[in-house]
N, C-alpha and C. Protein backbone atom coordinates (compact mmCIF):
# COMPACT_ATOMS: atom_id res chain seq x y z
N UNK A 1 0.86 -1.22 -0.02
CA UNK A 1 -0.05 0.07 -0.05
C UNK A 1 0.84 1.30 0.02
N UNK A 2 0.51 2.19 -0.87
CA UNK A 2 1.26 3.43 -0.94
C UNK A 2 0.80 4.38 0.28
N UNK A 3 1.38 5.43 0.39
CA UNK A 3 1.05 6.50 1.41
C UNK A 3 -0.22 7.21 1.04
N UNK A 4 -1.21 7.23 1.97
CA UNK A 4 -2.42 8.00 1.72
C UNK A 4 -2.31 9.43 2.47
N UNK A 5 -2.59 10.40 1.71
CA UNK A 5 -2.37 11.88 2.24
C UNK A 5 -3.74 12.55 2.26
N UNK A 6 -4.17 12.96 3.46
CA UNK A 6 -5.40 13.74 3.63
C UNK A 6 -5.19 14.93 4.49
N UNK A 7 -6.26 15.84 4.59
CA UNK A 7 -6.06 17.04 5.45
C UNK A 7 -7.45 17.10 6.16
N UNK A 8 -7.33 17.67 7.33
CA UNK A 8 -8.54 18.13 8.15
C UNK A 8 -8.44 19.34 8.83
N UNK A 9 -9.51 20.17 8.95
CA UNK A 9 -9.50 21.37 9.58
C UNK A 9 -10.47 21.49 10.68
N UNK A 10 -10.18 22.39 11.54
CA UNK A 10 -11.15 22.75 12.70
C UNK A 10 -10.79 24.01 13.21
N UNK A 11 -11.75 25.11 13.23
CA UNK A 11 -11.52 26.52 13.60
C UNK A 11 -10.21 27.02 12.74
N UNK A 12 -9.15 27.25 13.35
CA UNK A 12 -8.00 27.66 12.40
C UNK A 12 -6.92 26.64 12.44
N UNK A 13 -7.13 25.49 12.93
CA UNK A 13 -6.20 24.37 12.97
C UNK A 13 -6.31 23.61 11.63
N UNK A 14 -5.13 23.22 11.10
CA UNK A 14 -5.06 22.44 9.83
C UNK A 14 -4.14 21.31 10.15
N UNK A 15 -4.60 20.08 9.85
CA UNK A 15 -3.81 18.78 10.05
C UNK A 15 -3.63 18.15 8.69
N UNK A 16 -2.43 17.85 8.37
CA UNK A 16 -2.08 17.10 7.19
C UNK A 16 -1.52 15.62 7.61
N UNK A 17 -2.23 14.65 7.17
CA UNK A 17 -1.81 13.30 7.68
C UNK A 17 -1.41 12.46 6.55
N UNK A 18 -0.43 11.65 6.87
CA UNK A 18 0.18 10.57 5.94
C UNK A 18 0.00 9.27 6.65
N UNK A 19 -0.72 8.28 6.03
CA UNK A 19 -0.99 7.00 6.60
C UNK A 19 -0.37 5.89 5.64
N UNK A 20 0.29 4.96 6.24
CA UNK A 20 0.78 3.82 5.37
C UNK A 20 0.81 2.57 6.37
N UNK A 21 0.82 1.43 5.85
CA UNK A 21 0.89 0.18 6.51
C UNK A 21 2.02 0.22 7.50
N UNK A 22 1.90 -0.29 8.78
CA UNK A 22 3.09 -0.30 9.55
C UNK A 22 2.70 -0.90 10.96
N UNK A 23 3.42 -0.55 11.90
CA UNK A 23 3.40 -1.14 13.28
C UNK A 23 2.62 -0.32 14.26
N UNK A 24 1.85 0.80 13.84
CA UNK A 24 1.16 1.63 14.81
C UNK A 24 1.94 2.79 15.25
N UNK A 25 2.90 3.26 14.56
CA UNK A 25 3.65 4.51 15.03
C UNK A 25 2.83 5.72 14.76
N UNK A 26 2.53 6.48 15.86
CA UNK A 26 1.71 7.65 15.68
C UNK A 26 2.45 8.93 16.01
N UNK A 27 2.86 9.66 15.07
CA UNK A 27 3.74 10.88 15.31
C UNK A 27 2.97 12.16 14.92
N UNK A 28 2.93 13.09 15.88
CA UNK A 28 2.31 14.40 15.56
C UNK A 28 3.42 15.49 15.79
N UNK A 29 3.67 16.11 14.61
CA UNK A 29 4.80 17.13 14.61
C UNK A 29 6.04 16.47 15.16
N UNK A 30 6.40 15.36 14.67
CA UNK A 30 7.68 14.65 15.01
C UNK A 30 7.76 14.19 16.47
N UNK A 31 6.58 14.21 17.22
CA UNK A 31 6.54 13.80 18.61
C UNK A 31 5.51 12.58 18.71
N UNK A 32 5.65 11.80 19.63
CA UNK A 32 4.58 10.74 19.96
C UNK A 32 3.32 11.43 20.32
N UNK A 33 2.21 10.66 20.10
CA UNK A 33 0.81 11.20 20.31
C UNK A 33 0.76 11.61 21.84
N UNK A 34 1.18 10.71 22.76
CA UNK A 34 1.03 11.03 24.25
C UNK A 34 1.91 12.13 24.73
N UNK A 35 3.02 12.42 23.95
CA UNK A 35 3.79 13.56 24.33
C UNK A 35 3.21 14.83 23.84
N UNK A 36 2.73 14.85 22.59
CA UNK A 36 2.11 16.06 22.04
C UNK A 36 0.80 16.45 22.65
N UNK A 37 -0.02 15.49 23.02
CA UNK A 37 -1.30 15.68 23.72
C UNK A 37 -1.16 14.97 25.01
N UNK A 38 -0.85 15.73 26.10
CA UNK A 38 -0.67 15.14 27.40
C UNK A 38 -2.01 14.57 28.02
N UNK A 39 -3.26 15.20 27.71
CA UNK A 39 -4.38 14.89 28.28
C UNK A 39 -5.05 13.65 27.51
N UNK A 40 -5.61 12.81 28.19
CA UNK A 40 -6.17 11.60 27.68
C UNK A 40 -7.45 11.90 26.72
N UNK A 41 -8.08 13.03 27.08
CA UNK A 41 -9.24 13.42 26.26
C UNK A 41 -8.89 13.74 24.77
N UNK A 42 -7.83 14.50 24.60
CA UNK A 42 -7.36 14.87 23.34
C UNK A 42 -6.64 13.77 22.63
N UNK A 43 -6.01 12.87 23.41
CA UNK A 43 -5.48 11.65 22.74
C UNK A 43 -6.51 10.81 22.16
N UNK A 44 -7.56 10.62 22.88
CA UNK A 44 -8.82 9.87 22.41
C UNK A 44 -9.46 10.45 21.35
N UNK A 45 -9.65 11.84 21.30
CA UNK A 45 -10.12 12.51 20.10
C UNK A 45 -9.39 12.25 18.84
N UNK A 46 -8.07 12.44 18.98
CA UNK A 46 -7.11 12.29 17.78
C UNK A 46 -7.25 10.90 17.12
N UNK A 47 -7.33 9.81 18.09
CA UNK A 47 -7.28 8.48 17.63
C UNK A 47 -8.68 7.85 17.56
N UNK A 48 -9.70 8.68 17.61
CA UNK A 48 -11.09 7.99 17.74
C UNK A 48 -11.44 7.32 16.51
N UNK A 49 -11.06 7.78 15.29
CA UNK A 49 -11.49 7.09 14.05
C UNK A 49 -10.71 5.75 14.01
N UNK A 50 -9.51 5.60 14.51
CA UNK A 50 -8.86 4.31 14.57
C UNK A 50 -9.47 3.38 15.52
N UNK A 51 -9.84 3.96 16.71
CA UNK A 51 -10.48 3.14 17.67
C UNK A 51 -11.81 2.59 17.30
N UNK A 52 -12.58 3.34 16.66
CA UNK A 52 -14.04 2.97 16.20
C UNK A 52 -13.87 1.93 15.10
N UNK A 53 -12.92 1.91 14.22
CA UNK A 53 -12.84 1.03 13.14
C UNK A 53 -11.87 -0.13 13.45
N UNK A 54 -11.31 -0.34 14.67
CA UNK A 54 -10.46 -1.39 15.13
C UNK A 54 -9.13 -1.48 14.34
N UNK A 55 -8.61 -0.33 14.10
CA UNK A 55 -7.42 -0.21 13.35
C UNK A 55 -6.09 0.33 14.12
N UNK A 56 -6.30 0.30 15.48
CA UNK A 56 -5.22 0.72 16.32
C UNK A 56 -3.96 -0.28 16.15
N UNK A 57 -2.83 0.32 15.85
CA UNK A 57 -1.65 -0.56 15.67
C UNK A 57 -1.42 -1.00 14.28
N UNK A 58 -2.26 -0.79 13.33
CA UNK A 58 -2.20 -1.38 11.99
C UNK A 58 -1.48 -0.42 10.96
N UNK A 59 -1.48 0.92 11.28
CA UNK A 59 -0.88 1.79 10.40
C UNK A 59 0.02 2.72 11.06
N UNK A 60 1.05 3.20 10.28
CA UNK A 60 2.01 4.23 10.81
C UNK A 60 1.34 5.55 10.26
N UNK A 61 1.15 6.46 11.27
CA UNK A 61 0.61 7.76 11.00
C UNK A 61 1.62 8.91 11.34
N UNK A 62 1.68 9.79 10.42
CA UNK A 62 2.60 11.02 10.60
C UNK A 62 1.65 12.18 10.35
N UNK A 63 1.49 13.12 11.23
CA UNK A 63 0.67 14.26 11.12
C UNK A 63 1.45 15.53 11.30
N UNK A 64 1.31 16.48 10.47
CA UNK A 64 1.69 17.82 10.61
C UNK A 64 0.61 18.73 10.95
N UNK A 65 0.55 19.33 11.98
CA UNK A 65 -0.65 20.19 12.46
C UNK A 65 -0.19 21.50 12.90
N UNK A 66 -0.79 22.58 12.50
CA UNK A 66 -0.49 23.86 12.97
C UNK A 66 -1.68 24.84 13.00
N UNK A 67 -1.69 25.77 13.79
CA UNK A 67 -2.79 26.75 14.05
C UNK A 67 -3.70 26.32 15.02
N UNK A 68 -4.46 27.22 15.54
CA UNK A 68 -5.43 26.91 16.50
C UNK A 68 -4.93 26.45 17.84
N UNK A 69 -5.82 25.91 18.65
CA UNK A 69 -5.39 25.52 20.06
C UNK A 69 -5.34 24.02 20.06
N UNK A 70 -5.23 23.55 21.35
CA UNK A 70 -4.98 22.17 21.45
C UNK A 70 -6.11 21.14 21.00
N UNK A 71 -7.40 21.52 21.50
CA UNK A 71 -8.58 20.82 21.19
C UNK A 71 -8.90 20.99 19.71
N UNK A 72 -8.65 22.05 19.05
CA UNK A 72 -8.97 22.28 17.61
C UNK A 72 -8.01 21.38 16.79
N UNK A 73 -6.74 21.25 17.33
CA UNK A 73 -5.79 20.44 16.64
C UNK A 73 -6.14 19.00 16.67
N UNK A 74 -6.68 18.57 17.80
CA UNK A 74 -7.02 17.09 18.08
C UNK A 74 -8.26 16.81 17.09
N UNK A 75 -9.16 17.69 16.94
CA UNK A 75 -10.31 17.39 16.19
C UNK A 75 -9.99 17.53 14.71
N UNK A 76 -8.96 18.42 14.31
CA UNK A 76 -8.57 18.35 12.98
C UNK A 76 -7.84 17.11 12.57
N UNK A 77 -7.06 16.61 13.53
CA UNK A 77 -6.42 15.21 13.22
C UNK A 77 -7.43 14.19 13.14
N UNK A 78 -8.46 14.22 13.98
CA UNK A 78 -9.54 13.14 13.86
C UNK A 78 -10.20 13.19 12.50
N UNK A 79 -10.48 14.25 11.96
CA UNK A 79 -11.15 14.36 10.68
C UNK A 79 -10.20 13.88 9.60
N UNK A 80 -8.99 14.25 9.58
CA UNK A 80 -8.10 13.92 8.64
C UNK A 80 -7.74 12.36 8.60
N UNK A 81 -7.70 11.74 9.72
CA UNK A 81 -7.56 10.37 9.85
C UNK A 81 -8.75 9.51 9.36
N UNK A 82 -9.97 10.13 9.69
CA UNK A 82 -11.19 9.46 9.22
C UNK A 82 -11.35 9.55 7.79
N UNK A 83 -10.89 10.60 7.05
CA UNK A 83 -10.90 10.78 5.69
C UNK A 83 -9.88 9.71 5.08
N UNK A 84 -8.72 9.68 5.72
CA UNK A 84 -7.74 8.74 5.08
C UNK A 84 -8.20 7.25 5.26
N UNK A 85 -8.93 6.89 6.32
CA UNK A 85 -9.44 5.52 6.49
C UNK A 85 -10.42 5.17 5.41
N UNK A 86 -11.24 6.19 5.02
CA UNK A 86 -12.17 6.01 3.98
C UNK A 86 -11.50 5.85 2.69
N UNK A 87 -10.48 6.42 2.42
CA UNK A 87 -9.70 6.33 1.16
C UNK A 87 -9.10 4.94 1.03
N UNK A 88 -8.61 4.46 2.21
CA UNK A 88 -8.05 3.02 2.33
C UNK A 88 -9.05 1.94 2.12
N UNK A 89 -10.17 2.12 2.81
CA UNK A 89 -11.23 1.13 2.72
C UNK A 89 -12.68 1.84 2.77
N UNK A 90 -13.39 1.81 1.68
CA UNK A 90 -14.65 2.55 1.55
C UNK A 90 -15.65 2.02 2.59
N UNK A 91 -15.51 0.79 3.03
CA UNK A 91 -16.50 0.24 3.96
C UNK A 91 -16.49 0.89 5.39
N UNK A 92 -15.30 1.51 5.71
CA UNK A 92 -15.20 2.28 6.99
C UNK A 92 -16.14 3.40 7.06
N UNK A 93 -16.59 3.92 5.84
CA UNK A 93 -17.50 4.98 5.77
C UNK A 93 -18.83 4.73 6.51
N UNK A 94 -19.29 3.51 6.46
CA UNK A 94 -20.54 3.11 7.07
C UNK A 94 -20.37 3.18 8.59
N UNK A 95 -19.24 2.99 9.14
CA UNK A 95 -19.04 3.08 10.57
C UNK A 95 -18.79 4.52 10.99
N UNK A 96 -17.95 5.38 10.17
CA UNK A 96 -17.58 6.64 10.59
C UNK A 96 -18.60 7.69 10.37
N UNK A 97 -19.43 7.54 9.32
CA UNK A 97 -20.41 8.59 9.03
C UNK A 97 -21.47 8.85 10.03
N UNK A 98 -22.08 7.70 10.59
CA UNK A 98 -23.14 8.04 11.67
C UNK A 98 -22.56 8.65 12.92
N UNK A 99 -21.37 8.52 13.23
CA UNK A 99 -20.68 9.02 14.38
C UNK A 99 -20.30 10.58 14.17
N UNK A 100 -20.41 11.04 12.96
CA UNK A 100 -20.08 12.40 12.65
C UNK A 100 -18.59 12.69 12.44
N UNK A 101 -17.79 11.69 12.27
CA UNK A 101 -16.44 11.78 12.19
C UNK A 101 -15.95 12.26 10.79
N UNK A 102 -16.88 12.27 9.75
CA UNK A 102 -16.43 12.65 8.53
C UNK A 102 -17.07 14.11 8.19
N UNK A 103 -17.62 14.75 9.26
CA UNK A 103 -18.20 16.02 9.03
C UNK A 103 -17.29 17.06 9.48
N UNK A 104 -17.05 18.10 8.67
CA UNK A 104 -16.23 19.30 8.97
C UNK A 104 -17.05 20.21 9.85
N UNK A 105 -16.49 20.46 11.08
CA UNK A 105 -17.24 21.41 11.96
C UNK A 105 -16.85 22.82 11.52
N UNK A 106 -17.77 23.47 10.94
CA UNK A 106 -17.55 24.81 10.24
C UNK A 106 -17.69 25.95 11.23
N UNK A 107 -17.84 25.73 12.46
CA UNK A 107 -18.10 26.85 13.44
C UNK A 107 -16.61 27.55 13.60
N UNK A 108 -16.77 28.83 13.46
CA UNK A 108 -15.56 29.66 13.56
C UNK A 108 -15.80 30.82 14.57
N UNK A 109 -14.80 31.39 15.13
CA UNK A 109 -14.83 32.57 16.00
C UNK A 109 -15.65 33.79 15.35
N UNK A 110 -16.59 34.28 16.00
CA UNK A 110 -17.27 35.49 15.33
C UNK A 110 -16.32 36.74 15.44
N UNK A 111 -16.38 37.50 14.44
CA UNK A 111 -15.46 38.66 14.33
C UNK A 111 -15.91 39.77 15.28
N UNK A 112 -14.92 40.54 15.67
CA UNK A 112 -15.30 41.76 16.51
C UNK A 112 -15.71 42.90 15.58
N UNK A 113 -16.84 43.50 16.19
CA UNK A 113 -17.45 44.59 15.37
C UNK A 113 -16.87 45.91 15.91
N UNK A 114 -16.87 46.89 14.97
CA UNK A 114 -16.38 48.30 15.41
C UNK A 114 -17.49 48.92 16.25
N UNK A 115 -17.03 49.61 17.25
CA UNK A 115 -17.91 50.28 18.12
C UNK A 115 -18.39 49.44 19.33
N UNK A 116 -17.77 48.26 19.40
CA UNK A 116 -18.19 47.25 20.45
C UNK A 116 -16.93 46.79 21.12
N UNK A 117 -17.13 46.26 22.44
CA UNK A 117 -15.89 45.65 23.04
C UNK A 117 -15.42 44.45 22.38
N UNK A 118 -16.36 43.49 22.17
CA UNK A 118 -15.97 42.18 21.49
C UNK A 118 -17.06 41.90 20.42
N UNK A 119 -17.19 40.63 20.14
CA UNK A 119 -18.15 40.36 18.95
C UNK A 119 -19.51 40.73 19.26
N UNK A 120 -20.00 40.50 20.51
CA UNK A 120 -21.40 40.77 20.89
C UNK A 120 -21.54 41.77 22.11
N UNK A 121 -20.41 41.75 22.95
CA UNK A 121 -20.52 42.64 24.07
C UNK A 121 -20.40 44.15 23.65
N UNK A 122 -21.12 44.98 24.23
CA UNK A 122 -21.16 46.36 23.96
C UNK A 122 -20.54 47.18 25.00
N UNK A 123 -20.14 48.43 24.78
CA UNK A 123 -19.73 49.37 25.75
C UNK A 123 -20.83 49.69 26.58
N UNK A 124 -20.66 50.07 27.86
CA UNK A 124 -21.80 50.36 28.76
C UNK A 124 -22.46 51.67 28.28
N UNK A 125 -23.77 51.53 28.36
CA UNK A 125 -24.67 52.68 27.95
C UNK A 125 -25.05 53.58 29.04
N UNK A 126 -24.87 54.88 28.76
CA UNK A 126 -25.18 55.73 29.80
C UNK A 126 -26.29 56.75 29.22
N UNK A 127 -27.41 56.73 30.00
CA UNK A 127 -28.51 57.49 29.39
C UNK A 127 -28.28 59.01 29.65
N UNK A 128 -27.65 59.36 30.89
CA UNK A 128 -27.34 60.77 31.25
C UNK A 128 -25.86 60.94 31.37
């Protein structure tokens, strides 16, 4: 099997994933998954597509991720891995699609408007 290349995005985080057959080596920005994401929640989010399809330890995964925060990066990795697994075996789509792992979460930060403190918060109004 050749290398499968996909990308995933969440907020401003972008993850580029390269998957090939191997022994289960999972590198994120040249670091192991548990080193890059110290919390178990983000480790589980990043590897959720592999866990659901019972492919933990079957593929070598190399991810380049940048932008955004820690959780956004984990969710971008989750999407890119799910898309790669569907490229490898189209039958995985039946498992991943109902769980929402193939859907790009399009929610972004609302922009700050002029004449306001933040996106929705206003300056204090004084009647007199």
